[in-house]
């Protein structure tokens, strides 16, 4: 499958004031909460989307789920473009089909400095609502498919470390707890691997 029908990019922010949101770090139990469906795509949701995009780009990251910023609504923002100029918005996203298997190294803004290989479906079809409240469908593969699945997992209270062995997961948990105890300095983390 290929990326098709990409819609849902936000309108220019213009004079709107956007804010950076605080990202929750693993093992914060709030990351395990299931997000609720968005009932009405309104100005509050649009503001959340804008703030999430600003936070994601500032981090920097390629995806962010509302759960990661302690808002437990089914909202995801993604931009896997090299230029960071192709934002995608998914409100109430559902994966309706998947096929194949891909293994890719994943990282997470809630688990900074940790990168591990995870197996996921290679191709997915998604149904969601865009920033303006319009439903859409989209096919995705490669990095975009992995990112969509990773972010939807967040909405369901699941993290990429849940796909790892208990031993690896416990080691990462202890490392994160120490990092948080020591002041959670993002400059003390290893460099991000190159994008594939």
C-alpha atoms as a PDB file:
ATOM      1  CA  UNK A   1       0.000   0.000   0.000  1.00  0.00           C
ATOM      2  CA  UNK A   2       1.093   3.552  -0.466  1.00  0.00           C
ATOM      3  CA  UNK A   3       0.281   6.799   1.230  1.00  0.00           C
ATOM      4  CA  UNK A   4      -2.908   7.992  -0.425  1.00  0.00           C
ATOM      5  CA  UNK A   5      -5.557  10.557   0.306  1.00  0.00           C
ATOM      6  CA  UNK A   6      -3.555  12.430   2.909  1.00  0.00           C
ATOM      7  CA  UNK A   7      -5.822  15.094   4.257  1.00  0.00           C
ATOM      8  CA  UNK A   8      -6.241  16.721   7.599  1.00  0.00           C
ATOM      9  CA  UNK A   9      -3.277  19.072   7.659  1.00  0.00           C
ATOM     10  CA  UNK A  10      -4.013  22.055   9.868  1.00  0.00           C
ATOM     11  CA  UNK A  11      -4.758  25.446   8.438  1.00  0.00           C
ATOM     12  CA  UNK A  12      -2.019  28.029   8.974  1.00  0.00           C
ATOM     13  CA  UNK A  13      -1.910  29.080  12.593  1.00  0.00           C
ATOM     14  CA  UNK A  14      -1.759  32.796  11.677  1.00  0.00           C
ATOM     15  CA  UNK A  15      -2.075  34.967  14.781  1.00  0.00           C
ATOM     16  CA  UNK A  16      -3.190  32.079  16.969  1.00  0.00           C
ATOM     17  CA  UNK A  17      -1.085  31.670  20.072  1.00  0.00           C
ATOM     18  CA  UNK A  18       0.232  28.133  20.444  1.00  0.00           C
ATOM     19  CA  UNK A  19       1.735  26.681  23.589  1.00  0.00           C
ATOM     20  CA  UNK A  20       4.271  23.987  24.240  1.00  0.00           C
ATOM     21  CA  UNK A  21       2.712  21.186  26.251  1.00  0.00           C
ATOM     22  CA  UNK A  22       4.472  19.099  28.903  1.00  0.00           C
ATOM     23  CA  UNK A  23       5.239  15.576  27.710  1.00  0.00           C
ATOM     24  CA  UNK A  24       4.685  12.747  30.195  1.00  0.00           C
ATOM     25  CA  UNK A  25       7.645  10.407  30.689  1.00  0.00           C
ATOM     26  CA  UNK A  26       7.542   6.646  31.128  1.00  0.00           C
ATOM     27  CA  UNK A  27       6.764   5.086  33.596  1.00  0.00           C
ATOM     28  CA  UNK A  28       4.139   7.719  34.461  1.00  0.00           C
ATOM     29  CA  UNK A  29       0.883   5.772  35.016  1.00  0.00           C
ATOM     30  CA  UNK A  30      -1.081   8.453  33.123  1.00  0.00           C
ATOM     31  CA  UNK A  31       0.476   7.053  29.923  1.00  0.00           C
ATOM     32  CA  UNK A  32      -1.555   3.875  30.570  1.00  0.00           C
ATOM     33  CA  UNK A  33      -4.956   5.599  30.448  1.00  0.00           C
ATOM     34  CA  UNK A  34      -7.257   4.865  27.529  1.00  0.00           C
ATOM     35  CA  UNK A  35      -8.234   7.964  25.589  1.00  0.00           C
ATOM     36  CA  UNK A  36     -11.880   8.882  25.016  1.00  0.00           C
ATOM     37  CA  UNK A  37     -13.467   9.491  21.631  1.00  0.00           C
ATOM     38  CA  UNK A  38     -13.662  13.128  20.577  1.00  0.00           C
ATOM     39  CA  UNK A  39     -17.377  13.902  20.420  1.00  0.00           C
ATOM     40  CA  UNK A  40     -17.166  17.278  18.692  1.00  0.00           C
ATOM     41  CA  UNK A  41     -14.315  18.678  16.595  1.00  0.00           C
ATOM     42  CA  UNK A  42     -14.438  22.309  17.692  1.00  0.00           C
ATOM     43  CA  UNK A  43     -12.137  25.218  18.481  1.00  0.00           C
ATOM     44  CA  UNK A  44     -10.795  23.510  21.607  1.00  0.00           C
ATOM     45  CA  UNK A  45      -9.764  20.451  19.609  1.00  0.00           C
ATOM     46  CA  UNK A  46      -8.188  22.671  16.917  1.00  0.00           C
ATOM     47  CA  UNK A  47      -6.218  24.490  19.638  1.00  0.00           C
ATOM     48  CA  UNK A  48      -5.104  21.145  21.089  1.00  0.00           C
ATOM     49  CA  UNK A  49      -3.953  20.034  17.613  1.00  0.00           C
ATOM     50  CA  UNK A  50      -1.969  23.264  17.107  1.00  0.00           C
ATOM     51  CA  UNK A  51      -0.340  22.954  20.542  1.00  0.00           C
ATOM     52  CA  UNK A  52       0.468  19.294  19.930  1.00  0.00           C
ATOM     53  CA  UNK A  53       2.091  20.081  16.580  1.00  0.00           C
ATOM     54  CA  UNK A  54       4.171  22.848  18.153  1.00  0.00           C
ATOM     55  CA  UNK A  55       5.214  20.493  20.969  1.00  0.00           C
ATOM     56  CA  UNK A  56       6.062  17.666  18.552  1.00  0.00           C
ATOM     57  CA  UNK A  57       8.187  19.895  16.297  1.00  0.00           C
ATOM     58  CA  UNK A  58       9.949  21.472  19.293  1.00  0.00           C
ATOM     59  CA  UNK A  59      10.808  18.104  20.900  1.00  0.00           C
ATOM     60  CA  UNK A  60      11.711  17.220  18.009  1.00  0.00           C
ATOM     61  CA  UNK A  61       9.602  14.224  17.081  1.00  0.00           C
ATOM     62  CA  UNK A  62       7.599  12.752  14.217  1.00  0.00           C
ATOM     63  CA  UNK A  63       4.445  11.842  16.131  1.00  0.00           C
ATOM     64  CA  UNK A  64       2.573  12.750  19.286  1.00  0.00           C
ATOM     65  CA  UNK A  65      -0.606  11.368  20.858  1.00  0.00           C
ATOM     66  CA  UNK A  66      -2.768  13.505  23.147  1.00  0.00           C
ATOM     67  CA  UNK A  67      -2.241  10.928  25.912  1.00  0.00           C
ATOM     68  CA  UNK A  68       1.463  11.883  25.967  1.00  0.00           C
ATOM     69  CA  UNK A  69       0.539  15.458  26.933  1.00  0.00           C
ATOM     70  CA  UNK A  70      -1.971  14.317  29.566  1.00  0.00           C
ATOM     71  CA  UNK A  71      -5.052  14.958  27.429  1.00  0.00           C
ATOM     72  CA  UNK A  72      -6.972  11.715  27.226  1.00  0.00           C
ATOM     73  CA  UNK A  73      -8.772  12.246  23.936  1.00  0.00           C
ATOM     74  CA  UNK A  74      -8.217  10.290  20.716  1.00  0.00           C
ATOM     75  CA  UNK A  75      -6.083  12.863  18.888  1.00  0.00           C
ATOM     76  CA  UNK A  76      -2.803  12.179  17.072  1.00  0.00           C
ATOM     77  CA  UNK A  77      -0.459  14.449  15.113  1.00  0.00           C
ATOM     78  CA  UNK A  78       2.268  13.111  12.811  1.00  0.00           C
ATOM     79  CA  UNK A  79       4.812  14.526  10.389  1.00  0.00           C
ATOM     80  CA  UNK A  80       7.267  12.044   8.896  1.00  0.00           C
ATOM     81  CA  UNK A  81       8.465  14.436   6.166  1.00  0.00           C
ATOM     82  CA  UNK A  82      12.174  15.292   6.150  1.00  0.00           C
ATOM     83  CA  UNK A  83      11.290  19.009   5.975  1.00  0.00           C
ATOM     84  CA  UNK A  84       8.726  18.869   8.831  1.00  0.00           C
ATOM     85  CA  UNK A  85       6.160  20.542   6.599  1.00  0.00           C
ATOM     86  CA  UNK A  86       3.520  17.835   6.072  1.00  0.00           C
ATOM     87  CA  UNK A  87       1.546  17.567   9.308  1.00  0.00           C
ATOM     88  CA  UNK A  88      -1.157  14.924   9.485  1.00  0.00           C
ATOM     89  CA  UNK A  89      -3.985  15.043  11.995  1.00  0.00           C
ATOM     90  CA  UNK A  90      -5.952  11.961  13.068  1.00  0.00           C
ATOM     91  CA  UNK A  91      -8.948  12.416  15.363  1.00  0.00           C
ATOM     92  CA  UNK A  92     -10.626   9.187  16.567  1.00  0.00           C
ATOM     93  CA  UNK A  93      -8.293   7.074  14.375  1.00  0.00           C
ATOM     94  CA  UNK A  94      -9.105   3.414  13.774  1.00  0.00           C
ATOM     95  CA  UNK A  95      -6.999   0.883  11.910  1.00  0.00           C
ATOM     96  CA  UNK A  96      -9.495  -0.953   9.711  1.00  0.00           C
ATOM     97  CA  UNK A  97      -7.061  -3.358   8.051  1.00  0.00           C
ATOM     98  CA  UNK A  98      -3.418  -4.328   8.107  1.00  0.00           C
ATOM     99  CA  UNK A  99      -1.118  -6.721   6.289  1.00  0.00           C
ATOM    100  CA  UNK A 100       2.472  -7.840   6.144  1.00  0.00           C
ATOM    101  CA  UNK A 101       5.131  -7.477   8.812  1.00  0.00           C
ATOM    102  CA  UNK A 102       7.807  -4.812   9.145  1.00  0.00           C
ATOM    103  CA  UNK A 103      10.503  -4.448  11.752  1.00  0.00           C
ATOM    104  CA  UNK A 104      11.689  -0.935  12.451  1.00  0.00           C
ATOM    105  CA  UNK A 105      13.628   0.785  15.195  1.00  0.00           C
ATOM    106  CA  UNK A 106      11.261   2.947  17.241  1.00  0.00           C
ATOM    107  CA  UNK A 107      11.767   5.723  19.723  1.00  0.00           C
ATOM    108  CA  UNK A 108       9.273   7.757  21.723  1.00  0.00           C
ATOM    109  CA  UNK A 109       9.074  11.294  23.082  1.00  0.00           C
ATOM    110  CA  UNK A 110       7.823   9.772  26.362  1.00  0.00           C
ATOM    111  CA  UNK A 111      10.863   7.478  26.549  1.00  0.00           C
ATOM    112  CA  UNK A 112      13.646   9.760  25.287  1.00  0.00           C
ATOM    113  CA  UNK A 113      16.989   8.267  24.341  1.00  0.00           C
ATOM    114  CA  UNK A 114      15.638   4.714  23.988  1.00  0.00           C
ATOM    115  CA  UNK A 115      15.438   3.049  20.567  1.00  0.00           C
ATOM    116  CA  UNK A 116      14.479  -0.586  20.010  1.00  0.00           C
ATOM    117  CA  UNK A 117      13.339  -2.745  17.075  1.00  0.00           C
ATOM    118  CA  UNK A 118       9.624  -3.530  17.029  1.00  0.00           C
ATOM    119  CA  UNK A 119       7.628  -5.721  14.629  1.00  0.00           C
ATOM    120  CA  UNK A 120       4.322  -4.316  13.403  1.00  0.00           C
ATOM    121  CA  UNK A 121       2.063  -4.691  10.365  1.00  0.00           C
ATOM    122  CA  UNK A 122       3.780  -3.214   7.299  1.00  0.00           C
ATOM    123  CA  UNK A 123       0.668  -1.719   5.677  1.00  0.00           C
ATOM    124  CA  UNK A 124      -2.391  -0.228   7.329  1.00  0.00           C
ATOM    125  CA  UNK A 125      -5.669   1.409   6.365  1.00  0.00           C
ATOM    126  CA  UNK A 126      -6.908   4.094   8.760  1.00  0.00           C
ATOM    127  CA  UNK A 127     -10.239   5.825   9.221  1.00  0.00           C
ATOM    128  CA  UNK A 128     -10.187   9.111  11.121  1.00  0.00           C
ATOM    129  CA  UNK A 129     -11.529  12.640  11.269  1.00  0.00           C
ATOM    130  CA  UNK A 130      -9.465  15.631  10.180  1.00  0.00           C
ATOM    131  CA  UNK A 131      -8.995  18.966  11.967  1.00  0.00           C
ATOM    132  CA  UNK A 132     -12.094  20.404  10.282  1.00  0.00           C
ATOM    133  CA  UNK A 133     -14.309  17.499  11.382  1.00  0.00           C
ATOM    134  CA  UNK A 134     -14.345  15.670   8.029  1.00  0.00           C
ATOM    135  CA  UNK A 135     -14.040  11.872   8.019  1.00  0.00           C
ATOM    136  CA  UNK A 136     -11.360  10.339   5.775  1.00  0.00           C
ATOM    137  CA  UNK A 137      -9.633   7.066   4.974  1.00  0.00           C
ATOM    138  CA  UNK A 138      -5.958   6.627   4.276  1.00  0.00           C
ATOM    139  CA  UNK A 139      -3.557   3.837   3.327  1.00  0.00           C
ATOM    140  CA  UNK A 140      -0.045   3.976   4.773  1.00  0.00           C
ATOM    141  CA  UNK A 141       3.146   1.954   4.646  1.00  0.00           C
ATOM    142  CA  UNK A 142       6.744   2.271   5.804  1.00  0.00           C
ATOM    143  CA  UNK A 143       7.601   4.806   8.494  1.00  0.00           C
ATOM    144  CA  UNK A 144       4.161   6.429   8.339  1.00  0.00           C
ATOM    145  CA  UNK A 145       2.387   3.106   8.988  1.00  0.00           C
ATOM    146  CA  UNK A 146       4.680   2.398  11.946  1.00  0.00           C
ATOM    147  CA  UNK A 147       4.192   5.912  13.349  1.00  0.00           C
ATOM    148  CA  UNK A 148       0.391   5.718  13.060  1.00  0.00           C
ATOM    149  CA  UNK A 149       0.322   2.383  14.894  1.00  0.00           C
ATOM    150  CA  UNK A 150       2.739   3.656  17.568  1.00  0.00           C
ATOM    151  CA  UNK A 151       0.585   6.739  18.256  1.00  0.00           C
ATOM    152  CA  UNK A 152      -2.706   4.810  18.270  1.00  0.00           C
ATOM    153  CA  UNK A 153      -1.106   2.464  20.814  1.00  0.00           C
ATOM    154  CA  UNK A 154      -0.597   5.512  23.063  1.00  0.00           C
ATOM    155  CA  UNK A 155      -4.330   6.270  22.844  1.00  0.00           C
ATOM    156  CA  UNK A 156      -4.952   2.727  24.074  1.00  0.00           C
ATOM    157  CA  UNK A 157      -2.499   3.046  26.987  1.00  0.00           C
ATOM    158  CA  UNK A 158       0.187   0.981  25.283  1.00  0.00           C
ATOM    159  CA  UNK A 159       3.853   1.877  24.737  1.00  0.00           C
ATOM    160  CA  UNK A 160       6.395   0.474  22.293  1.00  0.00           C
ATOM    161  CA  UNK A 161       8.323  -1.042  25.222  1.00  0.00           C
ATOM    162  CA  UNK A 162       5.333  -3.371  25.740  1.00  0.00           C
ATOM    163  CA  UNK A 163       6.480  -5.205  22.588  1.00  0.00           C
ATOM    164  CA  UNK A 164       9.882  -5.899  24.160  1.00  0.00           C
ATOM    165  CA  UNK A 165      10.958  -8.684  26.500  1.00  0.00           C
ATOM    166  CA  UNK A 166      10.243  -8.215  30.213  1.00  0.00           C
ATOM    167  CA  UNK A 167      13.991  -7.995  30.833  1.00  0.00           C
ATOM    168  CA  UNK A 168      14.455  -5.135  28.328  1.00  0.00           C
ATOM    169  CA  UNK A 169      11.315  -3.387  29.549  1.00  0.00           C
ATOM    170  CA  UNK A 170      12.479  -3.519  33.193  1.00  0.00           C
ATOM    171  CA  UNK A 171      15.942  -2.246  32.237  1.00  0.00           C
ATOM    172  CA  UNK A 172      14.393   0.695  30.355  1.00  0.00           C
ATOM    173  CA  UNK A 173      12.026   1.424  33.254  1.00  0.00           C
ATOM    174  CA  UNK A 174      14.914   1.542  35.752  1.00  0.00           C
ATOM    175  CA  UNK A 175      16.951   3.742  33.409  1.00  0.00           C
ATOM    176  CA  UNK A 176      14.023   6.166  33.003  1.00  0.00           C
ATOM    177  CA  UNK A 177      13.335   6.259  36.763  1.00  0.00           C
ATOM    178  CA  UNK A 178      16.999   7.124  37.398  1.00  0.00           C
ATOM    179  CA  UNK A 179      16.976   9.743  34.625  1.00  0.00           C
ATOM    180  CA  UNK A 180      13.871  11.384  36.150  1.00  0.00           C
ATOM    181  CA  UNK A 181      15.377  11.224  39.693  1.00  0.00           C
ATOM    182  CA  UNK A 182      18.547  12.865  38.342  1.00  0.00           C
ATOM    183  CA  UNK A 183      16.615  15.813  36.912  1.00  0.00           C
ATOM    184  CA  UNK A 184      15.401  14.571  33.494  1.00  0.00           C
ATOM    185  CA  UNK A 185      17.955  16.545  31.462  1.00  0.00           C
ATOM    186  CA  UNK A 186      17.321  15.892  27.771  1.00  0.00           C
ATOM    187  CA  UNK A 187      20.945  16.847  27.009  1.00  0.00           C
ATOM    188  CA  UNK A 188      22.101  13.734  28.908  1.00  0.00           C
ATOM    189  CA  UNK A 189      20.520  11.358  26.402  1.00  0.00           C
ATOM    190  CA  UNK A 190      22.137   9.525  23.488  1.00  0.00           C
ATOM    191  CA  UNK A 191      21.778  10.963  19.980  1.00  0.00           C
ATOM    192  CA  UNK A 192      18.796   9.871  17.908  1.00  0.00           C
ATOM    193  CA  UNK A 193      19.556   7.328  15.194  1.00  0.00           C
ATOM    194  CA  UNK A 194      19.297   8.438  11.556  1.00  0.00           C
ATOM    195  CA  UNK A 195      15.866   8.147   9.934  1.00  0.00           C
ATOM    196  CA  UNK A 196      15.582   5.346   7.367  1.00  0.00           C
END
